[in-house]
Amino acid sequence: MKPPRVEDLPRRIDLERHVTRSTGDRAPNGHLTVVWRDWDEILDHPPRMVYLTSVDRGGRKGPHLHLRRNSYFLCTGGAVVFVIRTGGGYQEIKLSESDPAMVYVPRNFASAHVNISDGPSQVLALADLAWRPDDNEMEDVEFDGYDWGKWAAGAG
């Protein structure tokens, strides 16, 4: 069996960030982060659904496995760590609102994300398959032996 291509593996994707300026004195007033443009080649799988999810302090979503869906995740508030089961163990990728990056989780890779901030965290998800209420493409899984305790609130 040939090894998977790099673009078919979970990975962090750094994003383009620009300082924004006020119209009067041109003073910095924030920033703009490019998540997706139709002419970029940032995403191998263009989104068909975009949603925002939140995770309470100390909370975790997953682990679960998407059988047909490729997903990209961006932390828009707080901080999270994505834990992705790979062939030989677990890959951990931290994201925060101050660090403009996404994590790519391909289909058939089980993952979870844990809130590691002191308040709620928000995660923007871009998926190449739109969810439907009667869709059974997700399976809950266990990460046997994984130490979830190391991500206790504030430990990140």
Protein backbone atom coordinates (compact mmCIF):
# COMPACT_ATOMS: atom_id res chain seq x y z
CA MET A 1 0.00 0.00 0.00
CA LYS A 2 1.40 3.41 -0.90
CA PRO A 3 1.69 6.04 1.84
CA PRO A 4 -0.90 8.85 1.96
CA ARG A 5 -0.07 12.16 0.30
CA VAL A 6 0.84 14.98 2.69
CA GLU A 7 -2.33 16.84 1.72
CA ASP A 8 -4.36 13.81 2.89
CA LEU A 9 -2.95 13.96 6.45
CA PRO A 10 -4.10 16.09 9.38
CA ARG A 11 -2.14 19.31 9.52
CA ARG A 12 -1.97 22.91 10.65
CA ILE A 13 -2.53 25.58 7.99
CA ASP A 14 -1.22 29.07 8.78
CA LEU A 15 -3.53 31.86 7.66
CA GLU A 16 -2.93 35.30 6.17
CA ARG A 17 -3.54 38.14 8.64
CA HIS A 18 -3.65 41.87 7.87
CA VAL A 19 -3.78 44.92 10.14
CA THR A 20 -6.87 47.02 9.50
CA ARG A 21 -6.85 50.82 9.84
CA SER A 22 -9.39 53.52 10.56
CA THR A 23 -10.54 55.62 7.61
CA GLY A 24 -9.63 58.95 9.21
CA ASP A 25 -6.17 58.88 10.74
CA ARG A 26 -5.23 55.41 9.39
CA ALA A 27 -4.48 54.24 12.95
CA PRO A 28 -4.56 50.46 13.45
CA ASN A 29 -8.01 49.38 14.65
CA GLY A 30 -7.88 45.59 14.47
CA HIS A 31 -7.09 42.86 12.00
CA LEU A 32 -8.55 40.78 9.18
CA THR A 33 -7.77 37.06 8.80
CA VAL A 34 -8.35 35.39 5.44
CA VAL A 35 -10.08 32.04 6.05
CA TRP A 36 -11.02 31.14 2.48
CA ARG A 37 -11.12 32.75 -0.97
CA ASP A 38 -12.42 30.93 -4.02
CA TRP A 39 -9.22 31.71 -5.94
CA ASP A 40 -6.80 30.59 -3.21
CA GLU A 41 -5.48 27.08 -2.99
CA ILE A 42 -5.44 27.04 0.81
CA LEU A 43 -8.16 24.36 1.06
CA ASP A 44 -7.93 21.11 -0.88
CA HIS A 45 -11.66 20.54 -0.27
CA PRO A 46 -13.83 23.68 -0.76
CA PRO A 47 -16.51 24.17 1.91
CA ARG A 48 -20.14 23.14 1.40
CA MET A 49 -21.10 24.00 4.99
CA VAL A 50 -19.77 26.51 7.52
CA TYR A 51 -20.80 26.52 11.18
CA LEU A 52 -19.73 27.94 14.52
CA THR A 53 -19.52 25.76 17.62
CA SER A 54 -18.64 26.63 21.20
CA VAL A 55 -16.95 24.65 23.94
CA ASP A 56 -17.41 25.56 27.58
CA ARG A 57 -14.43 26.04 29.92
CA GLY A 58 -12.80 22.64 30.44
CA GLY A 59 -15.15 21.06 27.87
CA ARG A 60 -14.43 18.64 25.05
CA LYS A 61 -16.16 17.82 21.75
CA GLY A 62 -15.50 14.30 20.53
CA PRO A 63 -13.70 12.18 19.87
CA HIS A 64 -15.57 11.15 16.79
CA LEU A 65 -14.86 10.13 13.23
CA HIS A 66 -16.37 11.50 10.03
CA LEU A 67 -16.60 8.82 7.36
CA ARG A 68 -17.13 11.09 4.33
CA ARG A 69 -16.44 14.64 5.48
CA ASN A 70 -13.16 16.59 5.34
CA SER A 71 -13.11 19.48 7.82
CA TYR A 72 -11.12 22.61 8.59
CA PHE A 73 -11.30 24.30 11.99
CA LEU A 74 -10.35 27.82 13.11
CA CYS A 75 -10.47 29.08 16.70
CA THR A 76 -12.27 32.45 16.74
CA GLY A 77 -12.41 32.91 20.52
CA GLY A 78 -10.42 31.48 23.41
CA ALA A 79 -8.05 28.56 22.80
CA VAL A 80 -8.44 24.88 21.94
CA VAL A 81 -6.26 21.89 21.26
CA PHE A 82 -7.24 19.41 18.56
CA VAL A 83 -6.32 15.83 19.32
CA ILE A 84 -6.23 13.70 16.17
CA ARG A 85 -5.66 9.95 16.18
CA THR A 86 -3.03 9.02 13.63
CA GLY A 87 -1.60 5.63 12.70
CA GLY A 88 0.96 5.60 15.48
CA GLY A 89 -0.62 7.70 18.19
CA TYR A 90 -2.07 11.17 18.56
CA GLN A 91 -1.28 14.50 16.95
CA GLU A 92 -1.99 17.60 19.05
CA ILE A 93 -2.49 20.99 17.40
CA LYS A 94 -3.19 24.11 19.47
CA LEU A 95 -5.26 26.95 18.03
CA SER A 96 -6.24 30.29 19.54
CA GLU A 97 -7.94 33.49 18.48
CA SER A 98 -4.55 35.26 18.52
CA ASP A 99 -2.85 32.66 16.31
CA PRO A 100 -4.31 32.75 12.77
CA ALA A 101 -4.27 29.11 11.72
CA MET A 102 -6.62 26.26 10.85
CA VAL A 103 -6.38 22.55 11.46
CA TYR A 104 -7.31 20.16 8.66
CA VAL A 105 -8.93 16.88 9.72
CA PRO A 106 -9.46 14.55 6.76
CA ARG A 107 -12.29 12.03 6.66
CA ASN A 108 -11.56 8.77 8.50
CA PHE A 109 -9.31 10.49 11.07
CA ALA A 110 -10.88 10.55 14.54
CA SER A 111 -10.52 13.84 16.40
CA ALA A 112 -11.62 15.82 19.42
CA HIS A 113 -11.11 19.38 20.51
CA VAL A 114 -10.66 20.55 24.07
CA ASN A 115 -11.12 24.04 25.44
CA ILE A 116 -7.86 25.04 27.15
CA SER A 117 -8.81 28.64 27.97
CA ASP A 118 -10.32 30.09 31.13
CA GLY A 119 -13.65 30.91 29.44
CA PRO A 120 -15.72 29.56 26.56
CA SER A 121 -13.99 28.95 23.21
CA GLN A 122 -15.51 29.25 19.75
CA VAL A 123 -14.50 27.22 16.72
CA LEU A 124 -15.47 27.98 13.13
CA ALA A 125 -15.78 24.82 11.02
CA LEU A 126 -15.66 24.54 7.23
CA ALA A 127 -16.74 21.17 5.86
CA ASP A 128 -16.83 19.82 2.31
CA LEU A 129 -20.05 17.90 3.02
CA ALA A 130 -23.18 19.60 4.33
CA TRP A 131 -24.74 17.89 7.35
CA ARG A 132 -28.31 16.62 7.11
CA PRO A 133 -30.45 15.47 10.07
CA ASP A 134 -30.73 11.91 8.69
CA ASP A 135 -27.01 11.65 7.88
CA ASN A 136 -25.13 8.82 9.60
CA GLU A 137 -21.61 9.69 8.50
CA MET A 138 -20.25 10.34 12.01
CA GLU A 139 -19.22 7.71 14.58
CA ASP A 140 -18.31 8.28 18.22
CA VAL A 141 -15.01 6.64 19.15
CA GLU A 142 -12.78 6.24 22.23
CA PHE A 143 -9.17 7.35 22.56
CA ASP A 144 -8.04 4.51 24.81
CA GLY A 145 -5.11 5.46 26.99
CA TYR A 146 -5.10 9.13 25.99
CA ASP A 147 -4.41 11.51 28.91
CA TRP A 148 -7.25 14.04 28.70
CA GLY A 149 -6.30 15.37 32.15
CA LYS A 150 -3.27 17.20 30.79
CA TRP A 151 -5.67 19.66 29.15
CA ALA A 152 -7.46 20.65 32.36
CA ALA A 153 -8.79 24.24 32.18
CA GLY A 154 -5.90 26.68 32.27
CA ALA A 155 -3.23 23.98 31.73
CA GLY A 156 -2.84 24.76 28.01
